[in-house]
Every structure is written in C-alpha cells, then in structure tokens.
Amino acid sequence: MTKQEKQGNAQKHDEQKEPHQQKTDFNLKENQQQQHKQQTIPADNAQPGPHAIYKTQLDECTKHRDETTALLQRLQADFENYKKRCHKDYETITKNANKQLVANLLPILDSFQLALKSTTNQENFIKGIELIYSQFYSALEAQGVRKIEALGKKFDPYKHEVIDKIISNEHEEGLILAEIKKGYTYQNKIIRPSMVKIAIQEERK
C-alpha cells in the first residue's frame, strides 16, 4: 500500500469518527449550559425553606398579638375614664338634688317660726301648722312623693294594710271606711301602705 493510500484511509477514518465526536461535544456543551442555568436561578424564583416559612408565620402572629394588646389597652383606658366620668356625674347630680331639697325645706322652717310666735292665738297657730304641713308635702311632692288614695276606695292589698274591720251591711264588702295613717309612693313605688279600716258584712245564721 502506498503512502497516498494510507493517507486516504486515515482521512476516511477521521471522517467516519467526526459525527460521533461532534455529538459528544454537543452533549457536553448542553450539559454545561444546563448546569450553568441551574446555578444562575434568580433568588426570587427560589422556593423558601421550612425555616423561612415558620419565621414569616411567627412574625405575623407577633404583629397580630401586639396590635390586639394595644387595642385592649386602649379599650381598658377608655372604660376607666368612662367610670370616672359616671362617678363624677353621679356626685354632681346627688349634690344638686340635695341642695334643691334643702332649699325646698327652708320655707318650712320659716313657717315653724311664725307658728311658734302665734301660740297665744290658737286659730293662727292651727293655720300655721296647716301651712307647714302643706309646704312640707309640696317639698316631698317635688321629689316624686305621692299620697295613696284610700278613703272610700276598694281595699287593695298592694296599697293598703288592714288594721281593723267594721261590720256594716250598708257598705260593700272590703270598702275602706277610715284611714288611720296615710300611705305614700316614691317614684311610683310604694314606700308605705295606707293603714285602714274596712267594711265587712255581718255573718248571717
């Protein structure tokens, strides 16, 4: 075999190996590119680990706790201020009410003084006492006190208290014939019932 033939066979051999070599080189290059892409993945697209997730949840819970605590503290402070205002308003109302009551009782003292000066005149003394009674009741009435009607009314166990019974066939059973002591209500609530005598029918044999 001549030298030229040997060179021709070598060239053919190289040409036969070239596609395979090219394929190998291509695969190598592609693998390198894929590895490079994996190494250069942006941080934004990276999946957070369990530790990062737990830390985020913990931060959210802590923030919610702090906001709730601050809200409760504000509500408690508002409630304390509200109680102080109510207590102060109650004291003011009570003082004003007592002041008005005392002012309403002063004319009664004046009437007592006038009545005492009229002890030598019985008629004037009686009129003075009646005036004192009228003024005193007016002062109580201004505070919400009212008399309980009793005389001539039907007995009511909620308003009246029987201290005696009178046999009478001329009156309806349970009719109040006499009032021994007046009863009173305060703000529509009974503070003392009327003490009365009522009529009962005579028992027939």
N, C-alpha and C. Protein backbone atom coordinates (compact mmCIF):
# COMPACT_ATOMS: atom_id res chain seq x y z
N MET A 1 0.87 -1.19 0.00
CA MET A 1 0.00 0.00 0.00
C MET A 1 0.90 1.23 0.00
N THR A 2 0.53 2.11 -0.86
CA THR A 2 1.36 3.30 -1.00
C THR A 2 1.05 4.26 0.11
N LYS A 3 1.92 5.28 0.18
CA LYS A 3 1.76 6.32 1.21
C LYS A 3 0.50 7.11 1.00
N GLN A 4 0.14 7.34 -0.24
CA GLN A 4 -1.07 8.10 -0.54
C GLN A 4 -2.30 7.33 -0.13
N GLU A 5 -2.26 6.01 -0.33
CA GLU A 5 -3.40 5.18 0.05
C GLU A 5 -3.60 5.19 1.56
N LYS A 6 -2.43 5.15 2.27
CA LYS A 6 -2.53 5.19 3.75
C LYS A 6 -3.14 6.49 4.23
N GLN A 7 -2.72 7.59 3.59
CA GLN A 7 -3.28 8.90 3.99
C GLN A 7 -4.76 8.98 3.68
N GLY A 8 -5.16 8.37 2.57
CA GLY A 8 -6.59 8.37 2.21
C GLY A 8 -7.41 7.58 3.20
N ASN A 9 -6.90 6.45 3.62
CA ASN A 9 -7.63 5.62 4.59
C ASN A 9 -7.75 6.34 5.94
N ALA A 10 -6.69 7.03 6.35
CA ALA A 10 -6.72 7.78 7.62
C ALA A 10 -7.73 8.92 7.59
N GLN A 11 -7.80 9.55 6.39
CA GLN A 11 -8.76 10.66 6.25
C GLN A 11 -10.20 10.14 6.32
N LYS A 12 -10.40 8.99 5.67
CA LYS A 12 -11.74 8.38 5.73
C LYS A 12 -12.10 7.98 7.14
N HIS A 13 -11.10 7.46 7.84
CA HIS A 13 -11.37 7.05 9.23
C HIS A 13 -11.75 8.24 10.09
N ASP A 14 -11.04 9.36 9.85
CA ASP A 14 -11.37 10.58 10.64
C ASP A 14 -12.76 11.10 10.29
N GLU A 15 -13.10 11.00 9.03
CA GLU A 15 -14.43 11.48 8.63
C GLU A 15 -15.53 10.60 9.21
N GLN A 16 -15.25 9.32 9.32
CA GLN A 16 -16.25 8.43 9.91
C GLN A 16 -16.41 8.69 11.40
N LYS A 17 -15.38 9.13 12.11
CA LYS A 17 -15.45 9.37 13.55
C LYS A 17 -15.98 10.76 13.85
N GLU A 18 -15.99 11.64 12.94
CA GLU A 18 -16.33 13.05 13.21
C GLU A 18 -17.78 13.23 13.66
N PRO A 19 -18.79 12.66 13.08
CA PRO A 19 -20.17 12.85 13.58
C PRO A 19 -20.34 12.44 15.02
N HIS A 20 -19.79 11.30 15.37
CA HIS A 20 -19.91 10.83 16.75
C HIS A 20 -19.22 11.80 17.72
N GLN A 21 -18.05 12.25 17.30
CA GLN A 21 -17.30 13.19 18.13
C GLN A 21 -18.06 14.49 18.28
N GLN A 22 -18.67 14.94 17.18
CA GLN A 22 -19.46 16.17 17.23
C GLN A 22 -20.65 16.02 18.17
N LYS A 23 -21.29 14.89 18.13
CA LYS A 23 -22.44 14.64 19.00
C LYS A 23 -22.03 14.65 20.47
N THR A 24 -20.90 14.05 20.73
CA THR A 24 -20.39 14.01 22.10
C THR A 24 -20.07 15.41 22.58
N ASP A 25 -19.44 16.17 21.72
CA ASP A 25 -19.10 17.55 22.08
C ASP A 25 -20.37 18.38 22.32
N PHE A 26 -21.38 18.14 21.50
CA PHE A 26 -22.64 18.88 21.65
C PHE A 26 -23.33 18.55 22.98
N ASN A 27 -23.37 17.24 23.29
CA ASN A 27 -23.98 16.83 24.56
C ASN A 27 -23.24 17.42 25.75
N LEU A 28 -21.93 17.49 25.66
CA LEU A 28 -21.13 18.06 26.73
C LEU A 28 -21.45 19.53 26.95
N LYS A 29 -21.54 20.19 25.84
CA LYS A 29 -21.82 21.63 25.91
C LYS A 29 -23.21 21.89 26.48
N GLU A 30 -24.19 21.06 26.08
CA GLU A 30 -25.57 21.21 26.57
C GLU A 30 -25.64 20.97 28.08
N ASN A 31 -24.91 19.96 28.54
CA ASN A 31 -24.89 19.68 29.98
C ASN A 31 -24.28 20.85 30.76
N GLN A 32 -23.24 21.42 30.20
CA GLN A 32 -22.60 22.56 30.85
C GLN A 32 -23.56 23.76 30.92
N GLN A 33 -24.33 23.96 29.85
CA GLN A 33 -25.29 25.08 29.83
C GLN A 33 -26.40 24.87 30.87
N GLN A 34 -26.88 23.61 30.96
CA GLN A 34 -27.93 23.32 31.94
C GLN A 34 -27.41 23.53 33.36
N GLN A 35 -26.21 23.10 33.64
CA GLN A 35 -25.62 23.31 34.96
C GLN A 35 -25.46 24.79 35.26
N HIS A 36 -25.08 25.53 34.24
CA HIS A 36 -24.93 26.98 34.42
C HIS A 36 -26.27 27.65 34.72
N LYS A 37 -27.31 27.20 34.02
CA LYS A 37 -28.66 27.73 34.28
C LYS A 37 -29.11 27.42 35.70
N GLN A 38 -28.84 26.17 36.13
CA GLN A 38 -29.24 25.79 37.49
C GLN A 38 -28.51 26.63 38.54
N GLN A 39 -27.29 26.96 38.24
CA GLN A 39 -26.50 27.74 39.19
C GLN A 39 -26.91 29.20 39.19
N THR A 40 -27.52 29.68 38.10
CA THR A 40 -27.87 31.10 37.98
C THR A 40 -29.37 31.33 38.08
N ILE A 41 -30.13 30.46 38.80
CA ILE A 41 -31.57 30.67 39.01
C ILE A 41 -31.76 31.90 39.89
N PRO A 42 -32.60 32.86 39.50
CA PRO A 42 -32.81 34.07 40.31
C PRO A 42 -33.31 33.73 41.70
N ALA A 43 -32.94 34.56 42.67
CA ALA A 43 -33.33 34.32 44.07
C ALA A 43 -34.83 34.44 44.25
N ASP A 44 -35.48 35.27 43.40
CA ASP A 44 -36.92 35.46 43.53
C ASP A 44 -37.69 34.19 43.22
N ASN A 45 -37.13 33.36 42.32
CA ASN A 45 -37.82 32.13 41.93
C ASN A 45 -37.48 30.96 42.83
N ALA A 46 -36.55 31.17 43.74
CA ALA A 46 -36.15 30.08 44.63
C ALA A 46 -37.24 29.79 45.65
N GLN A 47 -37.53 28.56 45.94
CA GLN A 47 -38.54 28.15 46.91
C GLN A 47 -38.01 28.34 48.32
N PRO A 48 -38.77 29.05 49.21
CA PRO A 48 -38.29 29.23 50.58
C PRO A 48 -38.29 27.93 51.36
N GLY A 49 -37.36 27.80 52.25
CA GLY A 49 -37.26 26.60 53.05
C GLY A 49 -38.24 26.63 54.22
N PRO A 50 -38.42 25.53 54.94
CA PRO A 50 -39.36 25.47 56.09
C PRO A 50 -39.03 26.50 57.16
N HIS A 51 -37.77 26.74 57.39
CA HIS A 51 -37.39 27.71 58.42
C HIS A 51 -37.89 29.12 58.09
N ALA A 52 -37.76 29.49 56.80
CA ALA A 52 -38.22 30.81 56.38
C ALA A 52 -39.73 30.93 56.50
N ILE A 53 -40.46 29.86 56.16
CA ILE A 53 -41.93 29.88 56.25
C ILE A 53 -42.37 30.04 57.71
N TYR A 54 -41.77 29.26 58.61
CA TYR A 54 -42.13 29.34 60.03
C TYR A 54 -41.82 30.73 60.59
N LYS A 55 -40.70 31.31 60.16
CA LYS A 55 -40.33 32.64 60.64
C LYS A 55 -41.34 33.69 60.18
N THR A 56 -41.81 33.56 58.94
CA THR A 56 -42.83 34.50 58.44
C THR A 56 -44.12 34.39 59.23
N GLN A 57 -44.56 33.15 59.48
CA GLN A 57 -45.78 32.94 60.26
C GLN A 57 -45.63 33.47 61.68
N LEU A 58 -44.46 33.27 62.27
CA LEU A 58 -44.21 33.76 63.63
C LEU A 58 -44.25 35.28 63.67
N ASP A 59 -43.66 35.92 62.65
CA ASP A 59 -43.68 37.38 62.58
C ASP A 59 -45.10 37.91 62.47
N GLU A 60 -45.94 37.24 61.67
CA GLU A 60 -47.34 37.66 61.52
C GLU A 60 -48.10 37.50 62.82
N CYS A 61 -47.88 36.39 63.51
CA CYS A 61 -48.56 36.16 64.79
C CYS A 61 -48.13 37.20 65.83
N THR A 62 -46.84 37.51 65.84
CA THR A 62 -46.33 38.52 66.79
C THR A 62 -46.94 39.88 66.51
N LYS A 63 -47.03 40.23 65.25
CA LYS A 63 -47.63 41.52 64.87
C LYS A 63 -49.09 41.58 65.28
N HIS A 64 -49.84 40.48 65.02
CA HIS A 64 -51.26 40.43 65.40
C HIS A 64 -51.42 40.51 66.91
N ARG A 65 -50.54 39.84 67.65
CA ARG A 65 -50.60 39.89 69.13
C ARG A 65 -50.37 41.31 69.64
N ASP A 66 -49.38 41.98 69.08
CA ASP A 66 -49.07 43.34 69.52
C ASP A 66 -50.22 44.30 69.21
N GLU A 67 -50.85 44.15 68.04
CA GLU A 67 -51.97 45.01 67.68
C GLU A 67 -53.16 44.76 68.60
N THR A 68 -53.44 43.48 68.91
CA THR A 68 -54.56 43.14 69.80
C THR A 68 -54.32 43.66 71.21
N THR A 69 -53.10 43.51 71.70
CA THR A 69 -52.76 44.01 73.04
C THR A 69 -52.93 45.52 73.13
N ALA A 70 -52.49 46.22 72.10
CA ALA A 70 -52.63 47.68 72.09
C ALA A 70 -54.10 48.09 72.08
N LEU A 71 -54.92 47.35 71.31
CA LEU A 71 -56.35 47.66 71.26
C LEU A 71 -57.01 47.43 72.61
N LEU A 72 -56.69 46.32 73.27
CA LEU A 72 -57.25 46.03 74.59
C LEU A 72 -56.85 47.08 75.62
N GLN A 73 -55.62 47.54 75.53
CA GLN A 73 -55.16 48.57 76.47
C GLN A 73 -55.91 49.87 76.26
N ARG A 74 -56.18 50.22 75.00
CA ARG A 74 -56.95 51.44 74.72
C ARG A 74 -58.38 51.31 75.23
N LEU A 75 -58.98 50.13 75.01
CA LEU A 75 -60.35 49.92 75.48
C LEU A 75 -60.43 49.98 77.00
N GLN A 76 -59.45 49.39 77.67
CA GLN A 76 -59.44 49.42 79.13
C GLN A 76 -59.30 50.85 79.65
N ALA A 77 -58.43 51.62 79.00
CA ALA A 77 -58.25 53.03 79.41
C ALA A 77 -59.53 53.82 79.18
N ASP A 78 -60.21 53.57 78.05
CA ASP A 78 -61.47 54.27 77.78
C ASP A 78 -62.53 53.90 78.80
N PHE A 79 -62.57 52.62 79.19
CA PHE A 79 -63.56 52.18 80.17
C PHE A 79 -63.30 52.81 81.54
N GLU A 80 -62.04 52.88 81.93
CA GLU A 80 -61.70 53.51 83.21
C GLU A 80 -62.10 54.97 83.21
N ASN A 81 -61.85 55.67 82.11
CA ASN A 81 -62.25 57.07 82.00
C ASN A 81 -63.77 57.22 82.05
N TYR A 82 -64.46 56.27 81.43
CA TYR A 82 -65.94 56.30 81.45
C TYR A 82 -66.46 56.12 82.87
N LYS A 83 -65.87 55.21 83.63
CA LYS A 83 -66.31 55.01 85.02
C LYS A 83 -66.06 56.26 85.86
N LYS A 84 -64.93 56.90 85.63
CA LYS A 84 -64.62 58.12 86.39
C LYS A 84 -65.63 59.22 86.07
N ARG A 85 -65.98 59.34 84.78
CA ARG A 85 -66.96 60.37 84.39
C ARG A 85 -68.32 60.09 85.01
N CYS A 86 -68.74 58.81 84.99
CA CYS A 86 -70.04 58.44 85.58
C CYS A 86 -70.06 58.74 87.07
N HIS A 87 -68.97 58.39 87.76
CA HIS A 87 -68.90 58.65 89.20
C HIS A 87 -68.96 60.15 89.50
N LYS A 88 -68.25 60.91 88.69
CA LYS A 88 -68.25 62.36 88.88
C LYS A 88 -69.63 62.95 88.59
N ASP A 89 -70.28 62.46 87.52
CA ASP A 89 -71.63 62.95 87.19
C ASP A 89 -72.62 62.59 88.29
N TYR A 90 -72.47 61.37 88.86
CA TYR A 90 -73.37 60.95 89.93
C TYR A 90 -73.21 61.85 91.16
N GLU A 91 -71.98 62.15 91.49
CA GLU A 91 -71.74 63.03 92.65
C GLU A 91 -72.33 64.42 92.40
N THR A 92 -72.17 64.91 91.19
CA THR A 92 -72.71 66.24 90.86
C THR A 92 -74.23 66.24 90.95
N ILE A 93 -74.87 65.21 90.40
CA ILE A 93 -76.33 65.13 90.43
C ILE A 93 -76.84 65.01 91.86
N THR A 94 -76.16 64.19 92.67
CA THR A 94 -76.57 64.00 94.06
C THR A 94 -76.46 65.30 94.86
N LYS A 95 -75.35 66.01 94.66
CA LYS A 95 -75.17 67.27 95.37
C LYS A 95 -76.24 68.29 94.97
N ASN A 96 -76.52 68.36 93.69
CA ASN A 96 -77.53 69.31 93.22
C ASN A 96 -78.91 68.94 93.75
N ALA A 97 -79.21 67.63 93.79
CA ALA A 97 -80.52 67.18 94.29
C ALA A 97 -80.66 67.51 95.78
N ASN A 98 -79.61 67.24 96.56
CA ASN A 98 -79.66 67.54 97.99
C ASN A 98 -79.77 69.05 98.23
N LYS A 99 -79.07 69.80 97.42
CA LYS A 99 -79.12 71.26 97.54
C LYS A 99 -80.53 71.76 97.28
N GLN A 100 -81.20 71.20 96.26
CA GLN A 100 -82.55 71.62 95.94
C GLN A 100 -83.52 71.20 97.04
N LEU A 101 -83.32 70.01 97.60
CA LEU A 101 -84.19 69.55 98.67
C LEU A 101 -84.09 70.46 99.89
N VAL A 102 -82.87 70.82 100.25
CA VAL A 102 -82.68 71.72 101.39
C VAL A 102 -83.34 73.07 101.13
N ALA A 103 -83.18 73.55 99.90
CA ALA A 103 -83.79 74.84 99.54
C ALA A 103 -85.31 74.78 99.66
N ASN A 104 -85.90 73.61 99.31
CA ASN A 104 -87.35 73.46 99.41
C ASN A 104 -87.83 73.35 100.86
N LEU A 105 -86.94 72.92 101.76
CA LEU A 105 -87.33 72.77 103.17
C LEU A 105 -87.19 74.06 103.97
N LEU A 106 -86.42 75.00 103.46
CA LEU A 106 -86.21 76.26 104.21
C LEU A 106 -87.50 77.03 104.47
N PRO A 107 -88.44 77.14 103.51
CA PRO A 107 -89.70 77.83 103.82
C PRO A 107 -90.48 77.18 104.96
N ILE A 108 -90.30 75.84 105.13
CA ILE A 108 -91.00 75.15 106.22
C ILE A 108 -90.45 75.63 107.57
N LEU A 109 -89.15 75.83 107.63
CA LEU A 109 -88.57 76.37 108.86
C LEU A 109 -89.13 77.76 109.17
N ASP A 110 -89.28 78.55 108.12
CA ASP A 110 -89.84 79.89 108.32
C ASP A 110 -91.26 79.81 108.88
N SER A 111 -92.05 78.86 108.36
CA SER A 111 -93.43 78.71 108.82
C SER A 111 -93.47 78.22 110.26
N PHE A 112 -92.54 77.35 110.64
CA PHE A 112 -92.46 76.92 112.04
C PHE A 112 -92.22 78.12 112.97
N GLN A 113 -91.33 78.97 112.55
CA GLN A 113 -91.03 80.14 113.38
C GLN A 113 -92.25 81.04 113.55
N LEU A 114 -93.00 81.23 112.45
CA LEU A 114 -94.21 82.05 112.53
C LEU A 114 -95.27 81.40 113.41
N ALA A 115 -95.40 80.07 113.30
CA ALA A 115 -96.40 79.35 114.10
C ALA A 115 -96.06 79.45 115.59
N LEU A 116 -94.79 79.33 115.92
CA LEU A 116 -94.38 79.43 117.32
C LEU A 116 -94.65 80.81 117.91
N LYS A 117 -94.54 81.81 117.06
CA LYS A 117 -94.83 83.16 117.54
C LYS A 117 -96.32 83.40 117.75
N SER A 118 -97.17 82.52 117.18
CA SER A 118 -98.62 82.69 117.28
C SER A 118 -99.25 81.74 118.28
N THR A 119 -98.48 81.25 119.24
CA THR A 119 -99.02 80.29 120.21
C THR A 119 -100.09 80.90 121.10
N THR A 120 -100.07 82.23 121.24
CA THR A 120 -101.10 82.88 122.07
C THR A 120 -102.44 82.94 121.35
N ASN A 121 -102.42 82.81 120.04
CA ASN A 121 -103.65 82.81 119.25
C ASN A 121 -103.82 81.43 118.65
N GLN A 122 -104.80 80.68 119.19
CA GLN A 122 -104.98 79.29 118.78
C GLN A 122 -105.33 79.17 117.31
N GLU A 123 -106.18 80.06 116.82
CA GLU A 123 -106.60 79.97 115.43
C GLU A 123 -105.42 80.18 114.49
N ASN A 124 -104.61 81.19 114.79
CA ASN A 124 -103.44 81.44 113.95
C ASN A 124 -102.42 80.30 114.06
N PHE A 125 -102.35 79.71 115.25
CA PHE A 125 -101.43 78.59 115.44
C PHE A 125 -101.83 77.40 114.57
N ILE A 126 -103.13 77.10 114.53
CA ILE A 126 -103.63 75.99 113.72
C ILE A 126 -103.37 76.25 112.23
N LYS A 127 -103.64 77.50 111.83
CA LYS A 127 -103.39 77.84 110.43
C LYS A 127 -101.90 77.71 110.09
N GLY A 128 -101.07 78.07 111.05
CA GLY A 128 -99.63 77.94 110.82
C GLY A 128 -99.20 76.50 110.65
N ILE A 129 -99.78 75.61 111.47
CA ILE A 129 -99.46 74.18 111.37
C ILE A 129 -99.94 73.63 110.03
N GLU A 130 -101.14 74.03 109.62
CA GLU A 130 -101.66 73.58 108.32
C GLU A 130 -100.76 74.06 107.17
N LEU A 131 -100.27 75.26 107.30
CA LEU A 131 -99.38 75.81 106.27
C LEU A 131 -98.07 75.03 106.22
N ILE A 132 -97.57 74.68 107.41
CA ILE A 132 -96.33 73.90 107.47
C ILE A 132 -96.53 72.54 106.80
N TYR A 133 -97.67 71.90 107.11
CA TYR A 133 -97.96 70.59 106.51
C TYR A 133 -98.04 70.70 104.99
N SER A 134 -98.71 71.70 104.50
CA SER A 134 -98.87 71.89 103.06
C SER A 134 -97.52 72.13 102.38
N GLN A 135 -96.70 72.96 102.99
CA GLN A 135 -95.39 73.25 102.41
C GLN A 135 -94.47 72.02 102.44
N PHE A 136 -94.56 71.30 103.53
CA PHE A 136 -93.71 70.12 103.66
C PHE A 136 -94.09 69.06 102.62
N TYR A 137 -95.39 68.85 102.43
CA TYR A 137 -95.83 67.87 101.44
C TYR A 137 -95.45 68.33 100.03
N SER A 138 -95.55 69.62 99.78
CA SER A 138 -95.17 70.14 98.46
C SER A 138 -93.69 69.88 98.18
N ALA A 139 -92.86 70.01 99.23
CA ALA A 139 -91.43 69.74 99.07
C ALA A 139 -91.19 68.27 98.75
N LEU A 140 -91.94 67.40 99.43
CA LEU A 140 -91.80 65.96 99.14
C LEU A 140 -92.36 65.62 97.76
N GLU A 141 -93.45 66.26 97.41
CA GLU A 141 -94.08 66.01 96.12
C GLU A 141 -93.13 66.38 94.97
N ALA A 142 -92.35 67.44 95.18
CA ALA A 142 -91.39 67.86 94.17
C ALA A 142 -90.30 66.81 93.96
N GLN A 143 -90.10 65.95 94.96
CA GLN A 143 -89.09 64.89 94.86
C GLN A 143 -89.67 63.57 94.36
N GLY A 144 -90.97 63.57 94.03
CA GLY A 144 -91.59 62.35 93.50
C GLY A 144 -92.45 61.59 94.48
N VAL A 145 -92.74 62.19 95.65
CA VAL A 145 -93.59 61.53 96.66
C VAL A 145 -95.06 61.83 96.35
N ARG A 146 -95.90 60.78 96.44
CA ARG A 146 -97.34 60.94 96.20
C ARG A 146 -98.13 60.20 97.29
N LYS A 147 -99.32 60.76 97.60
CA LYS A 147 -100.21 60.10 98.57
C LYS A 147 -100.94 58.94 97.88
N ILE A 148 -101.23 57.92 98.68
CA ILE A 148 -102.03 56.79 98.20
C ILE A 148 -103.49 57.06 98.56
N GLU A 149 -104.35 57.07 97.57
CA GLU A 149 -105.77 57.27 97.82
C GLU A 149 -106.34 56.04 98.53
N ALA A 150 -107.08 56.27 99.60
CA ALA A 150 -107.58 55.13 100.38
C ALA A 150 -109.06 55.28 100.76
N LEU A 151 -109.42 56.38 101.40
CA LEU A 151 -110.78 56.54 101.92
C LEU A 151 -111.81 56.45 100.79
N GLY A 152 -112.79 55.53 101.00
CA GLY A 152 -113.85 55.34 100.00
C GLY A 152 -113.45 54.44 98.84
N LYS A 153 -112.24 53.93 98.87
CA LYS A 153 -111.75 53.06 97.79
C LYS A 153 -111.90 51.59 98.20
N LYS A 154 -111.85 50.72 97.19
CA LYS A 154 -111.87 49.28 97.45
C LYS A 154 -110.51 48.86 97.98
N PHE A 155 -110.53 47.97 98.98
CA PHE A 155 -109.28 47.53 99.59
C PHE A 155 -108.37 46.88 98.55
N ASP A 156 -107.10 47.30 98.54
CA ASP A 156 -106.08 46.75 97.65
C ASP A 156 -104.90 46.31 98.51
N PRO A 157 -104.65 45.00 98.58
CA PRO A 157 -103.58 44.50 99.47
C PRO A 157 -102.20 45.03 99.12
N TYR A 158 -102.04 45.53 97.89
CA TYR A 158 -100.74 46.07 97.49
C TYR A 158 -100.54 47.51 97.98
N LYS A 159 -101.65 48.19 98.26
CA LYS A 159 -101.57 49.60 98.65
C LYS A 159 -102.02 49.85 100.08
N HIS A 160 -102.83 48.94 100.61
CA HIS A 160 -103.44 49.18 101.92
C HIS A 160 -103.12 48.06 102.90
N GLU A 161 -103.13 48.43 104.18
CA GLU A 161 -102.92 47.46 105.25
C GLU A 161 -104.08 47.58 106.24
N VAL A 162 -104.81 46.47 106.44
CA VAL A 162 -105.99 46.48 107.31
C VAL A 162 -105.56 46.38 108.76
N ILE A 163 -106.00 47.33 109.56
CA ILE A 163 -105.71 47.27 111.00
C ILE A 163 -106.99 47.02 111.81
N ASP A 164 -108.14 47.14 111.11
CA ASP A 164 -109.41 46.88 111.81
C ASP A 164 -110.50 46.64 110.77
N LYS A 165 -111.54 45.90 111.20
CA LYS A 165 -112.68 45.62 110.33
C LYS A 165 -113.97 46.09 111.02
N ILE A 166 -114.81 46.71 110.23
CA ILE A 166 -116.07 47.25 110.75
C ILE A 166 -117.22 46.51 110.10
N ILE A 167 -118.10 45.95 110.98
CA ILE A 167 -119.27 45.24 110.46
C ILE A 167 -120.28 46.27 109.96
N SER A 168 -120.65 46.16 108.69
CA SER A 168 -121.61 47.10 108.11
C SER A 168 -122.28 46.45 106.91
N ASN A 169 -123.61 46.33 107.00
CA ASN A 169 -124.38 45.81 105.88
C ASN A 169 -124.75 46.91 104.89
N GLU A 170 -124.42 48.16 105.24
CA GLU A 170 -124.75 49.29 104.38
C GLU A 170 -123.63 49.60 103.39
N HIS A 171 -122.49 48.95 103.55
CA HIS A 171 -121.35 49.22 102.67
C HIS A 171 -120.89 47.93 101.99
N GLU A 172 -120.26 48.12 100.87
CA GLU A 172 -119.75 46.98 100.12
C GLU A 172 -118.63 46.31 100.90
N GLU A 173 -118.56 44.99 100.78
CA GLU A 173 -117.52 44.23 101.44
C GLU A 173 -116.15 44.71 100.96
N GLY A 174 -115.26 45.05 101.93
CA GLY A 174 -113.91 45.47 101.59
C GLY A 174 -113.76 46.95 101.30
N LEU A 175 -114.83 47.71 101.45
CA LEU A 175 -114.73 49.15 101.22
C LEU A 175 -113.98 49.80 102.38
N ILE A 176 -113.09 50.72 102.09
CA ILE A 176 -112.32 51.40 103.14
C ILE A 176 -113.18 52.51 103.76
N LEU A 177 -113.45 52.35 105.05
CA LEU A 177 -114.31 53.32 105.75
C LEU A 177 -113.50 54.37 106.51
N ALA A 178 -112.29 54.06 106.87
CA ALA A 178 -111.48 55.02 107.62
C ALA A 178 -110.01 54.81 107.29
N GLU A 179 -109.27 55.94 107.28
CA GLU A 179 -107.82 55.89 107.03
C GLU A 179 -107.11 56.36 108.30
N ILE A 180 -106.38 55.46 108.92
CA ILE A 180 -105.70 55.77 110.17
C ILE A 180 -104.35 56.45 109.92
N LYS A 181 -103.64 55.98 108.95
CA LYS A 181 -102.33 56.57 108.59
C LYS A 181 -102.18 56.53 107.08
N LYS A 182 -101.79 57.66 106.52
CA LYS A 182 -101.67 57.76 105.07
C LYS A 182 -100.49 56.92 104.56
N GLY A 183 -100.67 56.43 103.34
CA GLY A 183 -99.59 55.71 102.66
C GLY A 183 -99.01 56.60 101.56
N TYR A 184 -97.78 56.28 101.15
CA TYR A 184 -97.11 57.11 100.16
C TYR A 184 -96.33 56.24 99.17
N THR A 185 -96.19 56.80 97.97
CA THR A 185 -95.33 56.18 96.96
C THR A 185 -94.20 57.15 96.63
N TYR A 186 -93.09 56.57 96.19
CA TYR A 186 -91.95 57.38 95.75
C TYR A 186 -91.51 56.86 94.39
N GLN A 187 -91.57 57.75 93.40
CA GLN A 187 -91.25 57.36 92.02
C GLN A 187 -92.09 56.15 91.60
N ASN A 188 -93.40 56.24 91.94
CA ASN A 188 -94.39 55.21 91.57
C ASN A 188 -94.16 53.87 92.28
N LYS A 189 -93.36 53.85 93.31
CA LYS A 189 -93.15 52.64 94.09
C LYS A 189 -93.60 52.88 95.53
N ILE A 190 -94.32 51.90 96.09
CA ILE A 190 -94.87 52.07 97.44
C ILE A 190 -93.75 52.03 98.47
N ILE A 191 -93.69 53.10 99.28
CA ILE A 191 -92.71 53.11 100.37
C ILE A 191 -93.40 52.90 101.72
N ARG A 192 -94.74 53.10 101.75
CA ARG A 192 -95.51 52.78 102.95
C ARG A 192 -96.98 52.65 102.57
N PRO A 193 -97.61 51.51 102.90
CA PRO A 193 -99.03 51.35 102.57
C PRO A 193 -99.91 52.15 103.53
N SER A 194 -101.11 52.44 103.09
CA SER A 194 -102.08 53.14 103.96
C SER A 194 -102.62 52.15 105.00
N MET A 195 -102.76 52.61 106.24
CA MET A 195 -103.35 51.78 107.29
C MET A 195 -104.82 52.15 107.42
N VAL A 196 -105.69 51.16 107.20
CA VAL A 196 -107.11 51.46 107.03
C VAL A 196 -108.00 50.52 107.83
N LYS A 197 -109.28 50.95 107.90
CA LYS A 197 -110.36 50.11 108.42
C LYS A 197 -111.31 49.83 107.27
N ILE A 198 -111.72 48.57 107.14
CA ILE A 198 -112.59 48.21 106.02
C ILE A 198 -113.92 47.64 106.52
N ALA A 199 -114.88 47.68 105.65
CA ALA A 199 -116.22 47.16 105.98
C ALA A 199 -116.30 45.67 105.67
N ILE A 200 -117.00 44.93 106.57
CA ILE A 200 -117.28 43.52 106.31
C ILE A 200 -118.76 43.28 106.57
N GLN A 201 -119.30 42.32 105.89
CA GLN A 201 -120.72 42.02 106.05
C GLN A 201 -120.95 41.20 107.32
N GLU A 202 -122.08 41.46 107.96
CA GLU A 202 -122.42 40.70 109.16
C GLU A 202 -122.77 39.28 108.78
N GLU A 203 -122.21 38.34 109.51
CA GLU A 203 -122.48 36.94 109.23
C GLU A 203 -123.92 36.62 109.58
N ARG A 204 -124.61 35.96 108.66
CA ARG A 204 -126.00 35.58 108.88
C ARG A 204 -126.07 34.11 109.25
N LYS A 205 -126.86 33.85 110.26
CA LYS A 205 -127.02 32.47 110.73
C LYS A 205 -128.10 31.76 109.94
